[in-house]
PDB file of N, CA and C in Angstrom:
ATOM      1  N   MET A   1     -31.795   6.275 -13.840  1.00  0.00           N
ATOM      2  CA  MET A   1     -30.386   6.264 -13.471  1.00  0.00           C
ATOM      3  C   MET A   1     -29.786   4.936 -13.936  1.00  0.00           C
ATOM      4  N   THR A   2     -28.670   4.998 -14.614  1.00  0.00           N
ATOM      5  CA  THR A   2     -28.024   3.786 -15.116  1.00  0.00           C
ATOM      6  C   THR A   2     -27.219   3.112 -14.016  1.00  0.00           C
ATOM      7  N   GLN A   3     -26.825   1.870 -14.277  1.00  0.00           N
ATOM      8  CA  GLN A   3     -26.015   1.121 -13.308  1.00  0.00           C
ATOM      9  C   GLN A   3     -24.694   1.838 -13.054  1.00  0.00           C
ATOM     10  N   ASN A   4     -24.071   2.407 -14.093  1.00  0.00           N
ATOM     11  CA  ASN A   4     -22.800   3.121 -13.924  1.00  0.00           C
ATOM     12  C   ASN A   4     -22.956   4.350 -13.036  1.00  0.00           C
ATOM     13  N   GLU A   5     -24.072   5.065 -13.172  1.00  0.00           N
ATOM     14  CA  GLU A   5     -24.290   6.233 -12.324  1.00  0.00           C
ATOM     15  C   GLU A   5     -24.448   5.825 -10.864  1.00  0.00           C
ATOM     16  N   LYS A   6     -25.090   4.696 -10.610  1.00  0.00           N
ATOM     17  CA  LYS A   6     -25.235   4.212  -9.246  1.00  0.00           C
ATOM     18  C   LYS A   6     -23.880   3.874  -8.645  1.00  0.00           C
ATOM     19  N   LYS A   7     -22.999   3.309  -9.440  1.00  0.00           N
ATOM     20  CA  LYS A   7     -21.684   2.930  -8.945  1.00  0.00           C
ATOM     21  C   LYS A   7     -20.843   4.144  -8.570  1.00  0.00           C
ATOM     22  N   LEU A   8     -21.124   5.288  -9.165  1.00  0.00           N
ATOM     23  CA  LEU A   8     -20.326   6.479  -8.907  1.00  0.00           C
ATOM     24  C   LEU A   8     -20.722   7.183  -7.612  1.00  0.00           C
ATOM     25  N   ARG A   9     -21.831   6.817  -7.022  1.00  0.00           N
ATOM     26  CA  ARG A   9     -22.272   7.459  -5.778  1.00  0.00           C
ATOM     27  C   ARG A   9     -21.494   6.917  -4.589  1.00  0.00           C
ATOM     28  N   MET A  10     -21.061   7.826  -3.754  1.00  0.00           N
ATOM     29  CA  MET A  10     -20.374   7.410  -2.530  1.00  0.00           C
ATOM     30  C   MET A  10     -21.383   6.730  -1.610  1.00  0.00           C
ATOM     31  N   PRO A  11     -21.008   5.567  -1.063  1.00  0.00           N
ATOM     32  CA  PRO A  11     -21.905   4.918  -0.102  1.00  0.00           C
ATOM     33  C   PRO A  11     -22.067   5.779   1.154  1.00  0.00           C
ATOM     34  N   THR A  12     -23.163   5.592   1.848  1.00  0.00           N
ATOM     35  CA  THR A  12     -23.375   6.290   3.111  1.00  0.00           C
ATOM     36  C   THR A  12     -22.341   5.806   4.117  1.00  0.00           C
ATOM     37  N   LEU A  13     -21.656   6.752   4.737  1.00  0.00           N
ATOM     38  CA  LEU A  13     -20.610   6.401   5.696  1.00  0.00           C
ATOM     39  C   LEU A  13     -21.214   6.188   7.079  1.00  0.00           C
ATOM     40  N   ARG A  14     -20.695   5.209   7.783  1.00  0.00           N
ATOM     41  CA  ARG A  14     -21.199   4.841   9.107  1.00  0.00           C
ATOM     42  C   ARG A  14     -20.804   5.866  10.164  1.00  0.00           C
ATOM     43  N   ILE A  15     -19.610   6.438  10.043  1.00  0.00           N
ATOM     44  CA  ILE A  15     -19.099   7.394  11.031  1.00  0.00           C
ATOM     45  C   ILE A  15     -18.694   8.671  10.302  1.00  0.00           C
ATOM     46  N   THR A  16     -19.388   9.761  10.595  1.00  0.00           N
ATOM     47  CA  THR A  16     -19.063  11.034   9.949  1.00  0.00           C
ATOM     48  C   THR A  16     -18.711  12.132  10.945  1.00  0.00           C
ATOM     49  N   ASN A  17     -18.872  11.836  12.240  1.00  0.00           N
ATOM     50  CA  ASN A  17     -18.536  12.851  13.244  1.00  0.00           C
ATOM     51  C   ASN A  17     -18.071  12.173  14.532  1.00  0.00           C
ATOM     52  N   GLY A  18     -17.570  12.973  15.430  1.00  0.00           N
ATOM     53  CA  GLY A  18     -17.015  12.452  16.670  1.00  0.00           C
ATOM     54  C   GLY A  18     -18.025  11.756  17.561  1.00  0.00           C
ATOM     55  N   ALA A  19     -19.259  12.245  17.578  1.00  0.00           N
ATOM     56  CA  ALA A  19     -20.290  11.615  18.408  1.00  0.00           C
ATOM     57  C   ALA A  19     -20.583  10.198  17.921  1.00  0.00           C
ATOM     58  N   GLU A  20     -20.636  10.021  16.607  1.00  0.00           N
ATOM     59  CA  GLU A  20     -20.865   8.682  16.051  1.00  0.00           C
ATOM     60  C   GLU A  20     -19.681   7.767  16.339  1.00  0.00           C
ATOM     61  N   ALA A  21     -18.471   8.309  16.236  1.00  0.00           N
ATOM     62  CA  ALA A  21     -17.271   7.520  16.530  1.00  0.00           C
ATOM     63  C   ALA A  21     -17.259   7.094  17.994  1.00  0.00           C
ATOM     64  N   LEU A  22     -17.561   8.022  18.874  1.00  0.00           N
ATOM     65  CA  LEU A  22     -17.588   7.723  20.309  1.00  0.00           C
ATOM     66  C   LEU A  22     -18.642   6.663  20.627  1.00  0.00           C
ATOM     67  N   ALA A  23     -19.824   6.807  20.043  1.00  0.00           N
ATOM     68  CA  ALA A  23     -20.901   5.837  20.286  1.00  0.00           C
ATOM     69  C   ALA A  23     -20.493   4.439  19.819  1.00  0.00           C
ATOM     70  N   LEU A  24     -19.877   4.356  18.645  1.00  0.00           N
ATOM     71  CA  LEU A  24     -19.449   3.053  18.147  1.00  0.00           C
ATOM     72  C   LEU A  24     -18.335   2.477  19.011  1.00  0.00           C
ATOM     73  N   ARG A  25     -17.397   3.317  19.388  1.00  0.00           N
ATOM     74  CA  ARG A  25     -16.291   2.854  20.235  1.00  0.00           C
ATOM     75  C   ARG A  25     -16.829   2.276  21.545  1.00  0.00           C
ATOM     76  N   LYS A  26     -17.765   2.983  22.151  1.00  0.00           N
ATOM     77  CA  LYS A  26     -18.349   2.505  23.415  1.00  0.00           C
ATOM     78  C   LYS A  26     -19.142   1.213  23.192  1.00  0.00           C
ATOM     79  N   LYS A  27     -19.885   1.148  22.087  1.00  0.00           N
ATOM     80  CA  LYS A  27     -20.654  -0.058  21.770  1.00  0.00           C
ATOM     81  C   LYS A  27     -19.725  -1.264  21.615  1.00  0.00           C
ATOM     82  N   LEU A  28     -18.570  -1.039  20.998  1.00  0.00           N
ATOM     83  CA  LEU A  28     -17.600  -2.116  20.793  1.00  0.00           C
ATOM     84  C   LEU A  28     -16.748  -2.381  22.031  1.00  0.00           C
ATOM     85  N   ARG A  29     -16.917  -1.514  23.034  1.00  0.00           N
ATOM     86  CA  ARG A  29     -16.156  -1.619  24.292  1.00  0.00           C
ATOM     87  C   ARG A  29     -14.647  -1.558  24.054  1.00  0.00           C
ATOM     88  N   LEU A  30     -14.259  -0.600  23.218  1.00  0.00           N
ATOM     89  CA  LEU A  30     -12.840  -0.389  22.939  1.00  0.00           C
ATOM     90  C   LEU A  30     -12.388   0.908  23.591  1.00  0.00           C
ATOM     91  N   ASN A  31     -11.139   0.940  24.042  1.00  0.00           N
ATOM     92  CA  ASN A  31     -10.614   2.207  24.533  1.00  0.00           C
ATOM     93  C   ASN A  31     -10.191   3.052  23.332  1.00  0.00           C
ATOM     94  N   GLN A  32      -9.928   4.322  23.582  1.00  0.00           N
ATOM     95  CA  GLN A  32      -9.567   5.227  22.488  1.00  0.00           C
ATOM     96  C   GLN A  32      -8.355   4.740  21.715  1.00  0.00           C
ATOM     97  N   THR A  33      -7.344   4.286  22.418  1.00  0.00           N
ATOM     98  CA  THR A  33      -6.111   3.871  21.753  1.00  0.00           C
ATOM     99  C   THR A  33      -6.378   2.764  20.748  1.00  0.00           C
ATOM    100  N   VAL A  34      -7.055   1.729  21.172  1.00  0.00           N
ATOM    101  CA  VAL A  34      -7.321   0.585  20.291  1.00  0.00           C
ATOM    102  C   VAL A  34      -8.203   1.000  19.112  1.00  0.00           C
ATOM    103  N   PHE A  35      -9.267   1.739  19.398  1.00  0.00           N
ATOM    104  CA  PHE A  35     -10.209   2.136  18.354  1.00  0.00           C
ATOM    105  C   PHE A  35      -9.539   2.991  17.279  1.00  0.00           C
ATOM    106  N   TRP A  36      -8.837   4.027  17.687  1.00  0.00           N
ATOM    107  CA  TRP A  36      -8.287   4.989  16.736  1.00  0.00           C
ATOM    108  C   TRP A  36      -6.968   4.546  16.118  1.00  0.00           C
ATOM    109  N   LEU A  37      -6.237   3.676  16.784  1.00  0.00           N
ATOM    110  CA  LEU A  37      -4.962   3.220  16.241  1.00  0.00           C
ATOM    111  C   LEU A  37      -5.146   2.454  14.935  1.00  0.00           C
ATOM    112  N   LYS A  38      -6.284   1.787  14.796  1.00  0.00           N
ATOM    113  CA  LYS A  38      -6.575   1.052  13.554  1.00  0.00           C
ATOM    114  C   LYS A  38      -6.540   1.956  12.331  1.00  0.00           C
ATOM    115  N   VAL A  39      -6.847   3.228  12.525  1.00  0.00           N
ATOM    116  CA  VAL A  39      -6.873   4.159  11.395  1.00  0.00           C
ATOM    117  C   VAL A  39      -5.779   5.222  11.498  1.00  0.00           C
ATOM    118  N   GLY A  40      -4.843   5.025  12.418  1.00  0.00           N
ATOM    119  CA  GLY A  40      -3.661   5.878  12.491  1.00  0.00           C
ATOM    120  C   GLY A  40      -3.875   7.272  13.044  1.00  0.00           C
ATOM    121  N   VAL A  41      -4.848   7.444  13.933  1.00  0.00           N
ATOM    122  CA  VAL A  41      -5.127   8.765  14.499  1.00  0.00           C
ATOM    123  C   VAL A  41      -4.432   8.895  15.852  1.00  0.00           C
ATOM    124  N   MET A  42      -3.726  10.000  16.025  1.00  0.00           N
ATOM    125  CA  MET A  42      -2.962  10.234  17.249  1.00  0.00           C
ATOM    126  C   MET A  42      -3.869  10.660  18.411  1.00  0.00           C
ATOM    127  N   GLN A  43      -3.338  10.549  19.620  1.00  0.00           N
ATOM    128  CA  GLN A  43      -4.095  10.774  20.855  1.00  0.00           C
ATOM    129  C   GLN A  43      -4.777  12.132  20.914  1.00  0.00           C
ATOM    130  N   SER A  44      -4.048  13.199  20.691  1.00  0.00           N
ATOM    131  CA  SER A  44      -4.648  14.531  20.828  1.00  0.00           C
ATOM    132  C   SER A  44      -5.754  14.753  19.795  1.00  0.00           C
ATOM    133  N   THR A  45      -5.572  14.197  18.617  1.00  0.00           N
ATOM    134  CA  THR A  45      -6.568  14.366  17.556  1.00  0.00           C
ATOM    135  C   THR A  45      -7.833  13.584  17.864  1.00  0.00           C
ATOM    136  N   ARG A  46      -7.685  12.342  18.306  1.00  0.00           N
ATOM    137  CA  ARG A  46      -8.872  11.523  18.587  1.00  0.00           C
ATOM    138  C   ARG A  46      -9.711  12.126  19.707  1.00  0.00           C
ATOM    139  N   CYS A  47      -9.070  12.742  20.687  1.00  0.00           N
ATOM    140  CA  CYS A  47      -9.822  13.422  21.755  1.00  0.00           C
ATOM    141  C   CYS A  47     -10.644  14.567  21.181  1.00  0.00           C
ATOM    142  N   ARG A  48     -10.049  15.319  20.278  1.00  0.00           N
ATOM    143  CA  ARG A  48     -10.766  16.450  19.664  1.00  0.00           C
ATOM    144  C   ARG A  48     -11.938  15.965  18.822  1.00  0.00           C
ATOM    145  N   TYR A  49     -11.745  14.864  18.106  1.00  0.00           N
ATOM    146  CA  TYR A  49     -12.855  14.305  17.328  1.00  0.00           C
ATOM    147  C   TYR A  49     -14.012  13.930  18.246  1.00  0.00           C
ATOM    148  N   GLU A  50     -13.715  13.188  19.297  1.00  0.00           N
ATOM    149  CA  GLU A  50     -14.781  12.688  20.167  1.00  0.00           C
ATOM    150  C   GLU A  50     -15.457  13.788  20.969  1.00  0.00           C
ATOM    151  N   LYS A  51     -14.761  14.872  21.235  1.00  0.00           N
ATOM    152  CA  LYS A  51     -15.358  16.012  21.942  1.00  0.00           C
ATOM    153  C   LYS A  51     -16.040  16.971  20.976  1.00  0.00           C
ATOM    154  N   MET A  52     -16.032  16.621  19.691  1.00  0.00           N
ATOM    155  CA  MET A  52     -16.630  17.440  18.631  1.00  0.00           C
ATOM    156  C   MET A  52     -15.949  18.799  18.509  1.00  0.00           C
ATOM    157  N   GLU A  53     -14.677  18.866  18.859  1.00  0.00           N
ATOM    158  CA  GLU A  53     -13.906  20.099  18.727  1.00  0.00           C
ATOM    159  C   GLU A  53     -13.274  20.203  17.344  1.00  0.00           C
ATOM    160  N   ARG A  54     -13.300  19.109  16.614  1.00  0.00           N
ATOM    161  CA  ARG A  54     -12.691  19.079  15.290  1.00  0.00           C
ATOM    162  C   ARG A  54     -13.486  18.102  14.423  1.00  0.00           C
ATOM    163  N   ASP A  55     -13.720  18.487  13.164  1.00  0.00           N
ATOM    164  CA  ASP A  55     -14.404  17.594  12.231  1.00  0.00           C
ATOM    165  C   ASP A  55     -13.481  16.445  11.843  1.00  0.00           C
ATOM    166  N   ILE A  56     -14.069  15.290  11.600  1.00  0.00           N
ATOM    167  CA  ILE A  56     -13.298  14.150  11.112  1.00  0.00           C
ATOM    168  C   ILE A  56     -13.160  14.313   9.599  1.00  0.00           C
ATOM    169  N   PRO A  57     -11.925  14.428   9.087  1.00  0.00           N
ATOM    170  CA  PRO A  57     -11.744  14.608   7.645  1.00  0.00           C
ATOM    171  C   PRO A  57     -12.218  13.378   6.861  1.00  0.00           C
ATOM    172  N   LEU A  58     -12.611  13.601   5.625  1.00  0.00           N
ATOM    173  CA  LEU A  58     -13.137  12.525   4.796  1.00  0.00           C
ATOM    174  C   LEU A  58     -12.196  11.320   4.709  1.00  0.00           C
ATOM    175  N   PRO A  59     -10.877  11.495   4.507  1.00  0.00           N
ATOM    176  CA  PRO A  59     -10.014  10.305   4.450  1.00  0.00           C
ATOM    177  C   PRO A  59     -10.087   9.448   5.721  1.00  0.00           C
ATOM    178  N   VAL A  60     -10.224  10.077   6.870  1.00  0.00           N
ATOM    179  CA  VAL A  60     -10.340   9.325   8.128  1.00  0.00           C
ATOM    180  C   VAL A  60     -11.713   8.654   8.199  1.00  0.00           C
ATOM    181  N   GLN A  61     -12.752   9.332   7.735  1.00  0.00           N
ATOM    182  CA  GLN A  61     -14.081   8.719   7.690  1.00  0.00           C
ATOM    183  C   GLN A  61     -14.057   7.460   6.820  1.00  0.00           C
ATOM    184  N   LEU A  62     -13.353   7.540   5.699  1.00  0.00           N
ATOM    185  CA  LEU A  62     -13.256   6.383   4.802  1.00  0.00           C
ATOM    186  C   LEU A  62     -12.529   5.228   5.479  1.00  0.00           C
ATOM    187  N   LEU A  63     -11.445   5.542   6.183  1.00  0.00           N
ATOM    188  CA  LEU A  63     -10.706   4.498   6.901  1.00  0.00           C
ATOM    189  C   LEU A  63     -11.559   3.876   8.004  1.00  0.00           C
ATOM    190  N   LEU A  64     -12.317   4.694   8.707  1.00  0.00           N
ATOM    191  CA  LEU A  64     -13.209   4.175   9.745  1.00  0.00           C
ATOM    192  C   LEU A  64     -14.249   3.228   9.144  1.00  0.00           C
ATOM    193  N   GLN A  65     -14.756   3.584   7.973  1.00  0.00           N
ATOM    194  CA  GLN A  65     -15.727   2.720   7.290  1.00  0.00           C
ATOM    195  C   GLN A  65     -15.097   1.376   6.947  1.00  0.00           C
ATOM    196  N   MET A  66     -13.874   1.415   6.439  1.00  0.00           N
ATOM    197  CA  MET A  66     -13.188   0.168   6.086  1.00  0.00           C
ATOM    198  C   MET A  66     -12.900  -0.666   7.335  1.00  0.00           C
ATOM    199  N   ALA A  67     -12.510  -0.010   8.410  1.00  0.00           N
ATOM    200  CA  ALA A  67     -12.122  -0.720   9.629  1.00  0.00           C
ATOM    201  C   ALA A  67     -13.318  -1.237  10.430  1.00  0.00           C
ATOM    202  N   TYR A  68     -14.395  -0.467  10.482  1.00  0.00           N
ATOM    203  CA  TYR A  68     -15.498  -0.805  11.383  1.00  0.00           C
ATOM    204  C   TYR A  68     -16.840  -1.036  10.693  1.00  0.00           C
ATOM    205  N   GLY A  69     -16.890  -0.846   9.389  1.00  0.00           N
ATOM    206  CA  GLY A  69     -18.127  -1.141   8.675  1.00  0.00           C
ATOM    207  C   GLY A  69     -18.299  -2.640   8.501  1.00  0.00           C
ATOM    208  N   SER A  70     -19.480  -3.035   8.100  1.00  0.00           N
ATOM    209  CA  SER A  70     -19.719  -4.448   7.809  1.00  0.00           C
ATOM    210  C   SER A  70     -18.930  -4.833   6.558  1.00  0.00           C
ATOM    211  N   GLU A  71     -18.859  -6.115   6.288  1.00  0.00           N
ATOM    212  CA  GLU A  71     -18.186  -6.575   5.067  1.00  0.00           C
ATOM    213  C   GLU A  71     -18.828  -5.920   3.844  1.00  0.00           C
ATOM    214  N   LYS A  72     -20.147  -5.860   3.830  1.00  0.00           N
ATOM    215  CA  LYS A  72     -20.868  -5.266   2.704  1.00  0.00           C
ATOM    216  C   LYS A  72     -20.552  -3.776   2.578  1.00  0.00           C
ATOM    217  N   GLN A  73     -20.548  -3.056   3.701  1.00  0.00           N
ATOM    218  CA  GLN A  73     -20.241  -1.624   3.674  1.00  0.00           C
ATOM    219  C   GLN A  73     -18.812  -1.378   3.198  1.00  0.00           C
ATOM    220  N   SER A  74     -17.884  -2.168   3.684  1.00  0.00           N
ATOM    221  CA  SER A  74     -16.484  -2.014   3.288  1.00  0.00           C
ATOM    222  C   SER A  74     -16.299  -2.333   1.813  1.00  0.00           C
ATOM    223  N   ALA A  75     -16.943  -3.400   1.346  1.00  0.00           N
ATOM    224  CA  ALA A  75     -16.837  -3.783  -0.063  1.00  0.00           C
ATOM    225  C   ALA A  75     -17.443  -2.717  -0.964  1.00  0.00           C
ATOM    226  N   SER A  76     -18.555  -2.151  -0.547  1.00  0.00           N
ATOM    227  CA  SER A  76     -19.206  -1.093  -1.319  1.00  0.00           C
ATOM    228  C   SER A  76     -18.304   0.133  -1.430  1.00  0.00           C
ATOM    229  N   LEU A  77     -17.678   0.505  -0.332  1.00  0.00           N
ATOM    230  CA  LEU A  77     -16.769   1.650  -0.346  1.00  0.00           C
ATOM    231  C   LEU A  77     -15.561   1.368  -1.226  1.00  0.00           C
ATOM    232  N   LEU A  78     -14.993   0.191  -1.113  1.00  0.00           N
ATOM    233  CA  LEU A  78     -13.834  -0.165  -1.924  1.00  0.00           C
ATOM    234  C   LEU A  78     -14.188  -0.138  -3.409  1.00  0.00           C
ATOM    235  N   ALA A  79     -15.344  -0.667  -3.774  1.00  0.00           N
ATOM    236  CA  ALA A  79     -15.784  -0.641  -5.174  1.00  0.00           C
ATOM    237  C   ALA A  79     -15.933   0.792  -5.659  1.00  0.00           C
ATOM    238  N   TYR A  80     -16.511   1.647  -4.822  1.00  0.00           N
ATOM    239  CA  TYR A  80     -16.664   3.065  -5.175  1.00  0.00           C
ATOM    240  C   TYR A  80     -15.304   3.714  -5.404  1.00  0.00           C
ATOM    241  N   LEU A  81     -14.373   3.487  -4.488  1.00  0.00           N
ATOM    242  CA  LEU A  81     -13.052   4.106  -4.600  1.00  0.00           C
ATOM    243  C   LEU A  81     -12.319   3.627  -5.844  1.00  0.00           C
ATOM    244  N   ARG A  82     -12.423   2.354  -6.142  1.00  0.00           N
ATOM    245  CA  ARG A  82     -11.748   1.811  -7.330  1.00  0.00           C
ATOM    246  C   ARG A  82     -12.384   2.307  -8.614  1.00  0.00           C
ATOM    247  N   ALA A  83     -13.685   2.512  -8.613  1.00  0.00           N
ATOM    248  CA  ALA A  83     -14.380   2.996  -9.807  1.00  0.00           C
ATOM    249  C   ALA A  83     -14.063   4.456 -10.084  1.00  0.00           C
ATOM    250  N   ASN A  84     -13.630   5.176  -9.074  1.00  0.00           N
ATOM    251  CA  ASN A  84     -13.384   6.614  -9.215  1.00  0.00           C
ATOM    252  C   ASN A  84     -11.908   6.955  -9.098  1.00  0.00           C
ATOM    253  N   GLU A  85     -11.060   6.085  -9.609  1.00  0.00           N
ATOM    254  CA  GLU A  85      -9.610   6.335  -9.544  1.00  0.00           C
ATOM    255  C   GLU A  85      -9.226   7.477 -10.454  1.00  0.00           C
TER     256      GLU A  85
END
């Protein structure tokens, strides 16, 4: 696999479902409003995500990665997104 092919792979996302989001939110000791407002998710939607009643769409997963991932994880995602414009 060449270096360019590696760059085209999407990094592993930290939060891909409501259970992971809820666990991280609790670990960070944030309430729903503070946690989800960073990525622009409204109250009724965030409840559905955390109750696993609705899948978290990929664009929201990407925003969660940027907001709550490590510097390295966020930088990796940003590089991936810029390489695949």
